[in-house]
Full PDB file with SEQRES, HELIX, SHEET, SSBOND, CRYST1, ORIGX, SCALE, CONECT and MASTER records, all heavy atoms in Angstrom:
SEQRES   1 A   42  VAL ILE ARG LEU ALA ARG VAL MET LEU ALA GLU ASP ARG          
SEQRES   2 A   42  PRO VAL ALA TYR LEU ILE ASP ILE ILE PRO ASP ASP VAL          
SEQRES   3 A   42  LEU SER PRO ARG ASN LEU LYS ASP GLU PHE THR GLY SER          
SEQRES   4 A   42  VAL LEU ASP                                                  
HELIX    1 AA1 PRO A   29  LEU A   32  5                                   4    
SHEET    1 AA1 2 ILE A   2  ALA A  10  0                                        
SHEET    2 AA1 2 ARG A  13  ILE A  22 -1                                        
CRYST1    1.000    1.000    1.000  90.00  90.00  90.00 P 1           1          
ORIGX1      1.000000  0.000000  0.000000        0.00000                         
ORIGX2      0.000000  1.000000  0.000000        0.00000                         
ORIGX3      0.000000  0.000000  1.000000        0.00000                         
SCALE1      1.000000  0.000000  0.000000        0.00000                         
SCALE2      0.000000  1.000000  0.000000        0.00000                         
SCALE3      0.000000  0.000000  1.000000        0.00000                         
ATOM      1  N   VAL A   1       0.103   3.323  14.173  1.00  0.00           N  
ATOM      2  CA  VAL A   1      -0.565   2.913  12.940  1.00  0.00           C  
ATOM      3  C   VAL A   1       0.477   2.804  11.829  1.00  0.00           C  
ATOM      4  O   VAL A   1       1.568   3.370  11.923  1.00  0.00           O  
ATOM      5  CB  VAL A   1      -1.662   3.915  12.510  1.00  0.00           C  
ATOM      6  CG1 VAL A   1      -2.790   3.936  13.524  1.00  0.00           C  
ATOM      7  CG2 VAL A   1      -1.085   5.313  12.296  1.00  0.00           C  
ATOM      8  N   ILE A   2       0.115   2.048  10.802  1.00  0.00           N  
ATOM      9  CA  ILE A   2       0.922   1.968   9.598  1.00  0.00           C  
ATOM     10  C   ILE A   2       0.262   2.854   8.547  1.00  0.00           C  
ATOM     11  O   ILE A   2      -0.933   2.722   8.278  1.00  0.00           O  
ATOM     12  CB  ILE A   2       1.005   0.522   9.065  1.00  0.00           C  
ATOM     13  CG1 ILE A   2       1.518  -0.418  10.151  1.00  0.00           C  
ATOM     14  CG2 ILE A   2       1.882   0.458   7.815  1.00  0.00           C  
ATOM     15  CD1 ILE A   2       2.897  -0.082  10.656  1.00  0.00           C  
ATOM     16  N   ARG A   3       1.027   3.779   7.978  1.00  0.00           N  
ATOM     17  CA  ARG A   3       0.525   4.610   6.896  1.00  0.00           C  
ATOM     18  C   ARG A   3       1.195   4.181   5.600  1.00  0.00           C  
ATOM     19  O   ARG A   3       2.420   4.197   5.481  1.00  0.00           O  
ATOM     20  CB  ARG A   3       0.815   6.090   7.144  1.00  0.00           C  
ATOM     21  CG  ARG A   3      -0.132   6.738   8.135  1.00  0.00           C  
ATOM     22  CD  ARG A   3      -0.164   8.266   7.954  1.00  0.00           C  
ATOM     23  NE  ARG A   3      -0.876   8.880   9.067  1.00  0.00           N  
ATOM     24  CZ  ARG A   3      -0.304   9.356  10.158  1.00  0.00           C  
ATOM     25  NH1 ARG A   3       0.999   9.286  10.282  1.00  0.00           N  
ATOM     26  NH2 ARG A   3      -1.011   9.897  11.123  1.00  0.00           N  
ATOM     27  N   LEU A   4       0.382   3.795   4.641  1.00  0.00           N  
ATOM     28  CA  LEU A   4       0.867   3.380   3.327  1.00  0.00           C  
ATOM     29  C   LEU A   4       0.411   4.410   2.301  1.00  0.00           C  
ATOM     30  O   LEU A   4      -0.788   4.613   2.125  1.00  0.00           O  
ATOM     31  CB  LEU A   4       0.291   2.018   2.946  1.00  0.00           C  
ATOM     32  CG  LEU A   4       0.805   0.788   3.678  1.00  0.00           C  
ATOM     33  CD1 LEU A   4      -0.070  -0.404   3.350  1.00  0.00           C  
ATOM     34  CD2 LEU A   4       2.227   0.508   3.270  1.00  0.00           C  
ATOM     35  N   ALA A   5       1.334   5.045   1.629  1.00  0.00           N  
ATOM     36  CA  ALA A   5       0.992   6.005   0.571  1.00  0.00           C  
ATOM     37  C   ALA A   5       1.728   5.580  -0.690  1.00  0.00           C  
ATOM     38  O   ALA A   5       2.947   5.387  -0.663  1.00  0.00           O  
ATOM     39  CB  ALA A   5       1.387   7.418   0.981  1.00  0.00           C  
ATOM     40  N   ARG A   6       0.995   5.387  -1.786  1.00  0.00           N  
ATOM     41  CA  ARG A   6       1.643   4.949  -3.018  1.00  0.00           C  
ATOM     42  C   ARG A   6       0.911   5.475  -4.235  1.00  0.00           C  
ATOM     43  O   ARG A   6      -0.277   5.797  -4.175  1.00  0.00           O  
ATOM     44  CB  ARG A   6       1.764   3.425  -3.104  1.00  0.00           C  
ATOM     45  CG  ARG A   6       0.460   2.664  -3.208  1.00  0.00           C  
ATOM     46  CD  ARG A   6      -0.121   2.398  -1.860  1.00  0.00           C  
ATOM     47  NE  ARG A   6      -1.279   1.511  -1.900  1.00  0.00           N  
ATOM     48  CZ  ARG A   6      -2.235   1.544  -0.968  1.00  0.00           C  
ATOM     49  NH1 ARG A   6      -2.199   2.411   0.016  1.00  0.00           N  
ATOM     50  NH2 ARG A   6      -3.230   0.684  -1.032  1.00  0.00           N  
ATOM     51  N   VAL A   7       1.663   5.532  -5.320  1.00  0.00           N  
ATOM     52  CA  VAL A   7       1.140   5.943  -6.617  1.00  0.00           C  
ATOM     53  C   VAL A   7       0.935   4.698  -7.457  1.00  0.00           C  
ATOM     54  O   VAL A   7       1.803   3.823  -7.505  1.00  0.00           O  
ATOM     55  CB  VAL A   7       2.117   6.904  -7.326  1.00  0.00           C  
ATOM     56  CG1 VAL A   7       1.622   7.249  -8.722  1.00  0.00           C  
ATOM     57  CG2 VAL A   7       2.325   8.171  -6.504  1.00  0.00           C  
ATOM     58  N   MET A   8      -0.219   4.601  -8.121  1.00  0.00           N  
ATOM     59  CA  MET A   8      -0.478   3.491  -9.025  1.00  0.00           C  
ATOM     60  C   MET A   8      -0.362   3.993 -10.463  1.00  0.00           C  
ATOM     61  O   MET A   8      -0.843   5.078 -10.796  1.00  0.00           O  
ATOM     62  CB  MET A   8      -1.863   2.896  -8.777  1.00  0.00           C  
ATOM     63  CG  MET A   8      -2.052   2.330  -7.373  1.00  0.00           C  
ATOM     64  SD  MET A   8      -0.850   1.042  -6.923  1.00  0.00           S  
ATOM     65  CE  MET A   8      -1.295  -0.258  -8.096  1.00  0.00           C  
ATOM     66  N   LEU A   9       0.288   3.179 -11.297  1.00  0.00           N  
ATOM     67  CA  LEU A   9       0.571   3.554 -12.672  1.00  0.00           C  
ATOM     68  C   LEU A   9      -0.199   2.673 -13.648  1.00  0.00           C  
ATOM     69  O   LEU A   9      -0.371   1.476 -13.412  1.00  0.00           O  
ATOM     70  CB  LEU A   9       2.068   3.405 -12.971  1.00  0.00           C  
ATOM     71  CG  LEU A   9       3.058   4.063 -12.005  1.00  0.00           C  
ATOM     72  CD1 LEU A   9       4.478   3.653 -12.349  1.00  0.00           C  
ATOM     73  CD2 LEU A   9       2.929   5.583 -12.063  1.00  0.00           C  
ATOM     74  N   ALA A  10      -0.641   3.264 -14.738  1.00  0.00           N  
ATOM     75  CA  ALA A  10      -1.213   2.526 -15.866  1.00  0.00           C  
ATOM     76  C   ALA A  10      -0.641   3.154 -17.128  1.00  0.00           C  
ATOM     77  O   ALA A  10      -0.638   4.382 -17.265  1.00  0.00           O  
ATOM     78  CB  ALA A  10      -2.740   2.604 -15.877  1.00  0.00           C  
ATOM     79  N   GLU A  11      -0.134   2.302 -18.021  1.00  0.00           N  
ATOM     80  CA  GLU A  11       0.489   2.796 -19.252  1.00  0.00           C  
ATOM     81  C   GLU A  11       1.585   3.812 -18.932  1.00  0.00           C  
ATOM     82  O   GLU A  11       1.720   4.843 -19.584  1.00  0.00           O  
ATOM     83  CB  GLU A  11      -0.575   3.396 -20.182  1.00  0.00           C  
ATOM     84  CG  GLU A  11      -1.653   2.394 -20.572  1.00  0.00           C  
ATOM     85  CD  GLU A  11      -2.770   2.995 -21.409  1.00  0.00           C  
ATOM     86  OE1 GLU A  11      -3.054   4.201 -21.265  1.00  0.00           O  
ATOM     87  OE2 GLU A  11      -3.349   2.262 -22.222  1.00  0.00           O  
ATOM     88  N   ASP A  12       2.356   3.505 -17.875  1.00  0.00           N  
ATOM     89  CA  ASP A  12       3.488   4.341 -17.438  1.00  0.00           C  
ATOM     90  C   ASP A  12       3.075   5.744 -17.025  1.00  0.00           C  
ATOM     91  O   ASP A  12       3.889   6.674 -17.075  1.00  0.00           O  
ATOM     92  CB  ASP A  12       4.551   4.438 -18.547  1.00  0.00           C  
ATOM     93  CG  ASP A  12       5.158   3.090 -18.876  1.00  0.00           C  
ATOM     94  OD1 ASP A  12       5.390   2.309 -17.933  1.00  0.00           O  
ATOM     95  OD2 ASP A  12       5.390   2.809 -20.063  1.00  0.00           O  
ATOM     96  N   ARG A  13       1.837   5.903 -16.584  1.00  0.00           N  
ATOM     97  CA  ARG A  13       1.363   7.207 -16.173  1.00  0.00           C  
ATOM     98  C   ARG A  13       0.659   7.099 -14.827  1.00  0.00           C  
ATOM     99  O   ARG A  13      -0.110   6.162 -14.605  1.00  0.00           O  
ATOM    100  CB  ARG A  13       0.376   7.720 -17.242  1.00  0.00           C  
ATOM    101  CG  ARG A  13       0.020   9.184 -17.069  1.00  0.00           C  
ATOM    102  CD  ARG A  13      -1.443   9.400 -16.913  1.00  0.00           C  
ATOM    103  NE  ARG A  13      -1.808  10.798 -17.094  1.00  0.00           N  
ATOM    104  CZ  ARG A  13      -1.657  11.745 -16.166  1.00  0.00           C  
ATOM    105  NH1 ARG A  13      -1.141  11.444 -15.000  1.00  0.00           N  
ATOM    106  NH2 ARG A  13      -2.031  12.984 -16.406  1.00  0.00           N  
ATOM    107  N   PRO A  14       0.936   8.009 -13.859  1.00  0.00           N  
ATOM    108  CA  PRO A  14       0.218   7.958 -12.577  1.00  0.00           C  
ATOM    109  C   PRO A  14      -1.280   8.163 -12.786  1.00  0.00           C  
ATOM    110  O   PRO A  14      -1.696   9.123 -13.432  1.00  0.00           O  
ATOM    111  CB  PRO A  14       0.821   9.138 -11.795  1.00  0.00           C  
ATOM    112  CG  PRO A  14       2.118   9.445 -12.461  1.00  0.00           C  
ATOM    113  CD  PRO A  14       1.927   9.104 -13.901  1.00  0.00           C  
ATOM    114  N   VAL A  15      -2.083   7.235 -12.262  1.00  0.00           N  
ATOM    115  CA  VAL A  15      -3.537   7.344 -12.433  1.00  0.00           C  
ATOM    116  C   VAL A  15      -4.282   7.356 -11.104  1.00  0.00           C  
ATOM    117  O   VAL A  15      -5.470   7.695 -11.058  1.00  0.00           O  
ATOM    118  CB  VAL A  15      -4.093   6.208 -13.321  1.00  0.00           C  
ATOM    119  CG1 VAL A  15      -3.516   6.297 -14.717  1.00  0.00           C  
ATOM    120  CG2 VAL A  15      -3.824   4.836 -12.709  1.00  0.00           C  
ATOM    121  N   ALA A  16      -3.608   6.978 -10.021  1.00  0.00           N  
ATOM    122  CA  ALA A  16      -4.266   6.972  -8.710  1.00  0.00           C  
ATOM    123  C   ALA A  16      -3.221   7.161  -7.623  1.00  0.00           C  
ATOM    124  O   ALA A  16      -2.069   6.720  -7.761  1.00  0.00           O  
ATOM    125  CB  ALA A  16      -5.032   5.668  -8.481  1.00  0.00           C  
ATOM    126  N   TYR A  17      -3.639   7.824  -6.546  1.00  0.00           N  
ATOM    127  CA  TYR A  17      -2.792   8.003  -5.363  1.00  0.00           C  
ATOM    128  C   TYR A  17      -3.587   7.484  -4.184  1.00  0.00           C  
ATOM    129  O   TYR A  17      -4.694   7.957  -3.909  1.00  0.00           O  
ATOM    130  CB  TYR A  17      -2.439   9.482  -5.183  1.00  0.00           C  
ATOM    131  CG  TYR A  17      -1.545   9.763  -3.992  1.00  0.00           C  
ATOM    132  CD1 TYR A  17      -0.390   9.035  -3.771  1.00  0.00           C  
ATOM    133  CD2 TYR A  17      -1.868  10.785  -3.093  1.00  0.00           C  
ATOM    134  CE1 TYR A  17       0.438   9.298  -2.689  1.00  0.00           C  
ATOM    135  CE2 TYR A  17      -1.050  11.065  -2.016  1.00  0.00           C  
ATOM    136  CZ  TYR A  17       0.106  10.314  -1.816  1.00  0.00           C  
ATOM    137  OH  TYR A  17       0.912  10.583  -0.734  1.00  0.00           O  
ATOM    138  N   LEU A  18      -3.041   6.472  -3.500  1.00  0.00           N  
ATOM    139  CA  LEU A  18      -3.766   5.761  -2.453  1.00  0.00           C  
ATOM    140  C   LEU A  18      -3.059   5.912  -1.106  1.00  0.00           C  
ATOM    141  O   LEU A  18      -1.842   5.779  -1.017  1.00  0.00           O  
ATOM    142  CB  LEU A  18      -3.862   4.270  -2.796  1.00  0.00           C  
ATOM    143  CG  LEU A  18      -4.316   3.914  -4.218  1.00  0.00           C  
ATOM    144  CD1 LEU A  18      -4.284   2.403  -4.415  1.00  0.00           C  
ATOM    145  CD2 LEU A  18      -5.688   4.478  -4.513  1.00  0.00           C  
ATOM    146  N   ILE A  19      -3.845   6.172  -0.071  1.00  0.00           N  
ATOM    147  CA  ILE A  19      -3.317   6.287   1.296  1.00  0.00           C  
ATOM    148  C   ILE A  19      -4.166   5.412   2.213  1.00  0.00           C  
ATOM    149  O   ILE A  19      -5.393   5.543   2.235  1.00  0.00           O  
ATOM    150  CB  ILE A  19      -3.363   7.744   1.804  1.00  0.00           C  
ATOM    151  CG1 ILE A  19      -2.619   8.681   0.841  1.00  0.00           C  
ATOM    152  CG2 ILE A  19      -2.795   7.843   3.217  1.00  0.00           C  
ATOM    153  CD1 ILE A  19      -2.865  10.153   1.119  1.00  0.00           C  
ATOM    154  N   ASP A  20      -3.525   4.495   2.932  1.00  0.00           N  
ATOM    155  CA  ASP A  20      -4.222   3.637   3.894  1.00  0.00           C  
ATOM    156  C   ASP A  20      -3.624   3.834   5.274  1.00  0.00           C  
ATOM    157  O   ASP A  20      -2.395   3.897   5.422  1.00  0.00           O  
ATOM    158  CB  ASP A  20      -4.103   2.164   3.509  1.00  0.00           C  
ATOM    159  CG  ASP A  20      -4.919   1.817   2.269  1.00  0.00           C  
ATOM    160  OD1 ASP A  20      -4.550   2.262   1.175  1.00  0.00           O  
ATOM    161  OD2 ASP A  20      -5.917   1.099   2.415  1.00  0.00           O  
ATOM    162  N   ILE A  21      -4.494   3.919   6.295  1.00  0.00           N  
ATOM    163  CA  ILE A  21      -4.064   3.994   7.687  1.00  0.00           C  
ATOM    164  C   ILE A  21      -4.615   2.757   8.391  1.00  0.00           C  
ATOM    165  O   ILE A  21      -5.830   2.542   8.419  1.00  0.00           O  
ATOM    166  CB  ILE A  21      -4.565   5.285   8.375  1.00  0.00           C  
ATOM    167  CG1 ILE A  21      -4.031   6.518   7.624  1.00  0.00           C  
ATOM    168  CG2 ILE A  21      -4.099   5.328   9.817  1.00  0.00           C  
ATOM    169  CD1 ILE A  21      -5.018   7.145   6.684  1.00  0.00           C  
ATOM    170  N   ILE A  22      -3.705   1.940   8.950  1.00  0.00           N  
ATOM    171  CA  ILE A  22      -4.064   0.631   9.482  1.00  0.00           C  
ATOM    172  C   ILE A  22      -3.459   0.461  10.870  1.00  0.00           C  
ATOM    173  O   ILE A  22      -2.275   0.779  11.074  1.00  0.00           O  
ATOM    174  CB  ILE A  22      -3.527  -0.480   8.552  1.00  0.00           C  
ATOM    175  CG1 ILE A  22      -3.993  -0.248   7.119  1.00  0.00           C  
ATOM    176  CG2 ILE A  22      -3.946  -1.862   9.032  1.00  0.00           C  
ATOM    177  CD1 ILE A  22      -3.164  -0.950   6.087  1.00  0.00           C  
ATOM    178  N   PRO A  23      -4.211  -0.036  11.865  1.00  0.00           N  
ATOM    179  CA  PRO A  23      -3.622  -0.303  13.181  1.00  0.00           C  
ATOM    180  C   PRO A  23      -2.450  -1.272  13.046  1.00  0.00           C  
ATOM    181  O   PRO A  23      -2.504  -2.219  12.248  1.00  0.00           O  
ATOM    182  CB  PRO A  23      -4.776  -0.955  13.964  1.00  0.00           C  
ATOM    183  CG  PRO A  23      -6.021  -0.489  13.264  1.00  0.00           C  
ATOM    184  CD  PRO A  23      -5.647  -0.381  11.817  1.00  0.00           C  
ATOM    185  N   ASP A  24      -1.379  -1.051  13.813  1.00  0.00           N  
ATOM    186  CA  ASP A  24      -0.190  -1.879  13.616  1.00  0.00           C  
ATOM    187  C   ASP A  24      -0.342  -3.301  14.145  1.00  0.00           C  
ATOM    188  O   ASP A  24       0.512  -4.151  13.886  1.00  0.00           O  
ATOM    189  CB  ASP A  24       1.053  -1.204  14.206  1.00  0.00           C  
ATOM    190  CG  ASP A  24       1.066  -1.182  15.724  1.00  0.00           C  
ATOM    191  OD1 ASP A  24       0.005  -1.437  16.345  1.00  0.00           O  
ATOM    192  OD2 ASP A  24       2.129  -0.898  16.297  1.00  0.00           O  
ATOM    193  N   ASP A  25      -1.441  -3.590  14.884  1.00  0.00           N  
ATOM    194  CA  ASP A  25      -1.677  -4.980  15.271  1.00  0.00           C  
ATOM    195  C   ASP A  25      -2.394  -5.745  14.155  1.00  0.00           C  
ATOM    196  O   ASP A  25      -2.530  -6.973  14.217  1.00  0.00           O  
ATOM    197  CB  ASP A  25      -2.490  -5.063  16.566  1.00  0.00           C  
ATOM    198  CG  ASP A  25      -3.918  -4.534  16.400  1.00  0.00           C  
ATOM    199  OD1 ASP A  25      -4.085  -3.515  15.704  1.00  0.00           O  
ATOM    200  OD2 ASP A  25      -4.848  -5.137  16.957  1.00  0.00           O  
ATOM    201  N   VAL A  26      -2.830  -5.028  13.119  1.00  0.00           N  
ATOM    202  CA  VAL A  26      -3.492  -5.654  11.972  1.00  0.00           C  
ATOM    203  C   VAL A  26      -2.482  -5.911  10.856  1.00  0.00           C  
ATOM    204  O   VAL A  26      -2.520  -6.944  10.185  1.00  0.00           O  
ATOM    205  CB  VAL A  26      -4.637  -4.760  11.450  1.00  0.00           C  
ATOM    206  CG1 VAL A  26      -5.228  -5.324  10.158  1.00  0.00           C  
ATOM    207  CG2 VAL A  26      -5.719  -4.622  12.510  1.00  0.00           C  
ATOM    208  N   LEU A  27      -1.576  -4.953  10.659  1.00  0.00           N  
ATOM    209  CA  LEU A  27      -0.586  -5.071   9.591  1.00  0.00           C  
ATOM    210  C   LEU A  27       0.703  -4.408  10.055  1.00  0.00           C  
ATOM    211  O   LEU A  27       0.676  -3.313  10.596  1.00  0.00           O  
ATOM    212  CB  LEU A  27      -1.104  -4.380   8.321  1.00  0.00           C  
ATOM    213  CG  LEU A  27      -0.286  -4.554   7.052  1.00  0.00           C  
ATOM    214  CD1 LEU A  27      -0.397  -5.995   6.539  1.00  0.00           C  
ATOM    215  CD2 LEU A  27      -0.779  -3.595   5.964  1.00  0.00           C  
ATOM    216  N   SER A  28       1.817  -5.079   9.842  1.00  0.00           N  
ATOM    217  CA  SER A  28       3.108  -4.511  10.221  1.00  0.00           C  
ATOM    218  C   SER A  28       3.965  -4.337   8.978  1.00  0.00           C  
ATOM    219  O   SER A  28       3.741  -5.005   7.956  1.00  0.00           O  
ATOM    220  CB  SER A  28       3.822  -5.426  11.218  1.00  0.00           C  
ATOM    221  OG  SER A  28       4.195  -6.639  10.596  1.00  0.00           O  
ATOM    222  N   PRO A  29       4.971  -3.458   9.021  1.00  0.00           N  
ATOM    223  CA  PRO A  29       5.817  -3.231   7.842  1.00  0.00           C  
ATOM    224  C   PRO A  29       6.464  -4.502   7.307  1.00  0.00           C  
ATOM    225  O   PRO A  29       6.657  -4.637   6.098  1.00  0.00           O  
ATOM    226  CB  PRO A  29       6.868  -2.243   8.365  1.00  0.00           C  
ATOM    227  CG  PRO A  29       6.176  -1.500   9.464  1.00  0.00           C  
ATOM    228  CD  PRO A  29       5.289  -2.530  10.119  1.00  0.00           C  
ATOM    229  N   ARG A  30       6.795  -5.448   8.179  1.00  0.00           N  
ATOM    230  CA  ARG A  30       7.449  -6.664   7.695  1.00  0.00           C  
ATOM    231  C   ARG A  30       6.515  -7.519   6.831  1.00  0.00           C  
ATOM    232  O   ARG A  30       6.978  -8.320   6.020  1.00  0.00           O  
ATOM    233  CB  ARG A  30       7.990  -7.498   8.862  1.00  0.00           C  
ATOM    234  CG  ARG A  30       6.937  -8.040   9.798  1.00  0.00           C  
ATOM    235  CD  ARG A  30       7.571  -8.925  10.871  1.00  0.00           C  
ATOM    236  NE  ARG A  30       6.599  -9.355  11.854  1.00  0.00           N  
ATOM    237  CZ  ARG A  30       6.277  -8.680  12.936  1.00  0.00           C  
ATOM    238  NH1 ARG A  30       6.879  -7.525  13.177  1.00  0.00           N  
ATOM    239  NH2 ARG A  30       5.385  -9.147  13.789  1.00  0.00           N  
ATOM    240  N   ASN A  31       5.189  -7.336   7.011  1.00  0.00           N  
ATOM    241  CA  ASN A  31       4.237  -8.059   6.162  1.00  0.00           C  
ATOM    242  C   ASN A  31       4.270  -7.559   4.720  1.00  0.00           C  
ATOM    243  O   ASN A  31       3.730  -8.217   3.823  1.00  0.00           O  
ATOM    244  CB  ASN A  31       2.802  -7.903   6.681  1.00  0.00           C  
ATOM    245  CG  ASN A  31       2.608  -8.478   8.072  1.00  0.00           C  
ATOM    246  OD1 ASN A  31       1.940  -7.883   8.893  1.00  0.00           O  
ATOM    247  ND2 ASN A  31       3.187  -9.646   8.330  1.00  0.00           N  
ATOM    248  N   LEU A  32       4.883  -6.411   4.489  1.00  0.00           N  
ATOM    249  CA  LEU A  32       4.792  -5.749   3.190  1.00  0.00           C  
ATOM    250  C   LEU A  32       6.044  -5.915   2.336  1.00  0.00           C  
ATOM    251  O   LEU A  32       6.059  -5.483   1.191  1.00  0.00           O  
ATOM    252  CB  LEU A  32       4.519  -4.258   3.397  1.00  0.00           C  
ATOM    253  CG  LEU A  32       3.262  -3.925   4.205  1.00  0.00           C  
ATOM    254  CD1 LEU A  32       3.250  -2.451   4.563  1.00  0.00           C  
ATOM    255  CD2 LEU A  32       2.012  -4.289   3.427  1.00  0.00           C  
ATOM    256  N   LYS A  33       7.068  -6.542   2.862  1.00  0.00           N  
ATOM    257  CA  LYS A  33       8.355  -6.574   2.166  1.00  0.00           C  
ATOM    258  C   LYS A  33       8.290  -7.301   0.830  1.00  0.00           C  
ATOM    259  O   LYS A  33       8.826  -6.844  -0.169  1.00  0.00           O  
ATOM    260  CB  LYS A  33       9.420  -7.211   3.058  1.00  0.00           C  
ATOM    261  CG  LYS A  33       9.849  -6.313   4.218  1.00  0.00           C  
ATOM    262  CD  LYS A  33      10.980  -6.932   5.010  1.00  0.00           C  
ATOM    263  CE  LYS A  33      11.428  -5.997   6.137  1.00  0.00           C  
ATOM    264  NZ  LYS A  33      12.507  -6.595   6.951  1.00  0.00           N  
ATOM    265  N   ASP A  34       7.623  -8.440   0.808  1.00  0.00           N  
ATOM    266  CA  ASP A  34       7.660  -9.264  -0.396  1.00  0.00           C  
ATOM    267  C   ASP A  34       6.341  -9.300  -1.158  1.00  0.00           C  
ATOM    268  O   ASP A  34       6.337  -9.419  -2.376  1.00  0.00           O  
ATOM    269  CB  ASP A  34       8.058 -10.707  -0.037  1.00  0.00           C  
ATOM    270  CG  ASP A  34       9.421 -10.772   0.634  1.00  0.00           C  
ATOM    271  OD1 ASP A  34      10.321 -10.056   0.164  1.00  0.00           O  
ATOM    272  OD2 ASP A  34       9.570 -11.521   1.616  1.00  0.00           O  
ATOM    273  N   GLU A  35       5.217  -9.202  -0.439  1.00  0.00           N  
ATOM    274  CA  GLU A  35       3.940  -9.476  -1.082  1.00  0.00           C  
ATOM    275  C   GLU A  35       3.156  -8.239  -1.496  1.00  0.00           C  
ATOM    276  O   GLU A  35       2.125  -8.366  -2.150  1.00  0.00           O  
ATOM    277  CB  GLU A  35       3.063 -10.325  -0.150  1.00  0.00           C  
ATOM    278  CG  GLU A  35       2.827  -9.678   1.206  1.00  0.00           C  
ATOM    279  CD  GLU A  35       1.980 -10.546   2.130  1.00  0.00           C  
ATOM    280  OE1 GLU A  35       1.158 -11.320   1.608  1.00  0.00           O  
ATOM    281  OE2 GLU A  35       2.154 -10.451   3.359  1.00  0.00           O  
ATOM    282  N   PHE A  36       3.625  -7.055  -1.182  1.00  0.00           N  
ATOM    283  CA  PHE A  36       2.817  -5.868  -1.442  1.00  0.00           C  
ATOM    284  C   PHE A  36       3.049  -5.333  -2.843  1.00  0.00           C  
ATOM    285  O   PHE A  36       4.162  -4.988  -3.218  1.00  0.00           O  
ATOM    286  CB  PHE A  36       3.123  -4.788  -0.413  1.00  0.00           C  
ATOM    287  CG  PHE A  36       2.188  -3.610  -0.488  1.00  0.00           C  
ATOM    288  CD1 PHE A  36       0.825  -3.780  -0.307  1.00  0.00           C  
ATOM    289  CD2 PHE A  36       2.667  -2.340  -0.750  1.00  0.00           C  
ATOM    290  CE1 PHE A  36      -0.046  -2.701  -0.373  1.00  0.00           C  
ATOM    291  CE2 PHE A  36       1.811  -1.259  -0.817  1.00  0.00           C  
ATOM    292  CZ  PHE A  36       0.449  -1.452  -0.620  1.00  0.00           C  
ATOM    293  N   THR A  37       1.985  -5.275  -3.640  1.00  0.00           N  
ATOM    294  CA  THR A  37       2.071  -4.727  -5.001  1.00  0.00           C  
ATOM    295  C   THR A  37       1.203  -3.490  -5.163  1.00  0.00           C  
ATOM    296  O   THR A  37       1.092  -2.948  -6.259  1.00  0.00           O  
ATOM    297  CB  THR A  37       1.641  -5.776  -6.040  1.00  0.00           C  
ATOM    298  OG1 THR A  37       0.297  -6.189  -5.762  1.00  0.00           O  
ATOM    299  CG2 THR A  37       2.564  -6.981  -6.006  1.00  0.00           C  
ATOM    300  N   GLY A  38       0.559  -3.047  -4.062  1.00  0.00           N  
ATOM    301  CA  GLY A  38      -0.238  -1.829  -4.124  1.00  0.00           C  
ATOM    302  C   GLY A  38      -1.589  -1.925  -3.466  1.00  0.00           C  
ATOM    303  O   GLY A  38      -2.193  -0.909  -3.152  1.00  0.00           O  
ATOM    304  N   SER A  39      -2.095  -3.150  -3.227  1.00  0.00           N  
ATOM    305  CA  SER A  39      -3.445  -3.308  -2.675  1.00  0.00           C  
ATOM    306  C   SER A  39      -3.415  -3.908  -1.273  1.00  0.00           C  
ATOM    307  O   SER A  39      -3.002  -5.055  -1.087  1.00  0.00           O  
ATOM    308  CB  SER A  39      -4.294  -4.210  -3.588  1.00  0.00           C  
ATOM    309  OG  SER A  39      -5.520  -4.534  -2.950  1.00  0.00           O  
ATOM    310  N   VAL A  40      -3.867  -3.125  -0.306  1.00  0.00           N  
ATOM    311  CA  VAL A  40      -4.018  -3.636   1.055  1.00  0.00           C  
ATOM    312  C   VAL A  40      -5.125  -4.686   1.103  1.00  0.00           C  
ATOM    313  O   VAL A  40      -5.006  -5.717   1.764  1.00  0.00           O  
ATOM    314  CB  VAL A  40      -4.330  -2.477   2.032  1.00  0.00           C  
ATOM    315  CG1 VAL A  40      -4.721  -3.012   3.405  1.00  0.00           C  
ATOM    316  CG2 VAL A  40      -3.139  -1.536   2.148  1.00  0.00           C  
ATOM    317  N   LEU A  41      -6.200  -4.435   0.372  1.00  0.00           N  
ATOM    318  CA  LEU A  41      -7.318  -5.378   0.343  1.00  0.00           C  
ATOM    319  C   LEU A  41      -6.862  -6.762  -0.111  1.00  0.00           C  
ATOM    320  O   LEU A  41      -7.227  -7.777   0.484  1.00  0.00           O  
ATOM    321  CB  LEU A  41      -8.418  -4.862  -0.586  1.00  0.00           C  
ATOM    322  CG  LEU A  41      -9.613  -5.797  -0.806  1.00  0.00           C  
ATOM    323  CD1 LEU A  41     -10.380  -6.015   0.492  1.00  0.00           C  
ATOM    324  CD2 LEU A  41     -10.533  -5.256  -1.901  1.00  0.00           C  
ATOM    325  N   ASP A  42      -6.058  -6.817  -1.172  1.00  0.00           N  
ATOM    326  CA  ASP A  42      -5.595  -8.108  -1.680  1.00  0.00           C  
ATOM    327  C   ASP A  42      -4.733  -8.834  -0.655  1.00  0.00           C  
ATOM    328  O   ASP A  42      -4.782 -10.069  -0.548  1.00  0.00           O  
ATOM    329  CB  ASP A  42      -4.820  -7.915  -2.986  1.00  0.00           C  
ATOM    330  CG  ASP A  42      -5.742  -7.597  -4.159  1.00  0.00           C  
ATOM    331  OD1 ASP A  42      -6.972  -7.741  -4.000  1.00  0.00           O  
ATOM    332  OD2 ASP A  42      -5.234  -7.204  -5.224  1.00  0.00           O  
TER     333      ASP A  42                                                      
MASTER        0    0    0    1    2    0    0    6  332    1    0    4          
END                                                                             
């Protein structure tokens, strides 16, 4: 699986901590290099 853990900031302050667990046939690390800004859904 791919585990994504990240902190989201608003007004330079941490406001959310998000963790996603995704099967690696659905999403791979190389899919995240350029287009990932914090939302798996997007």
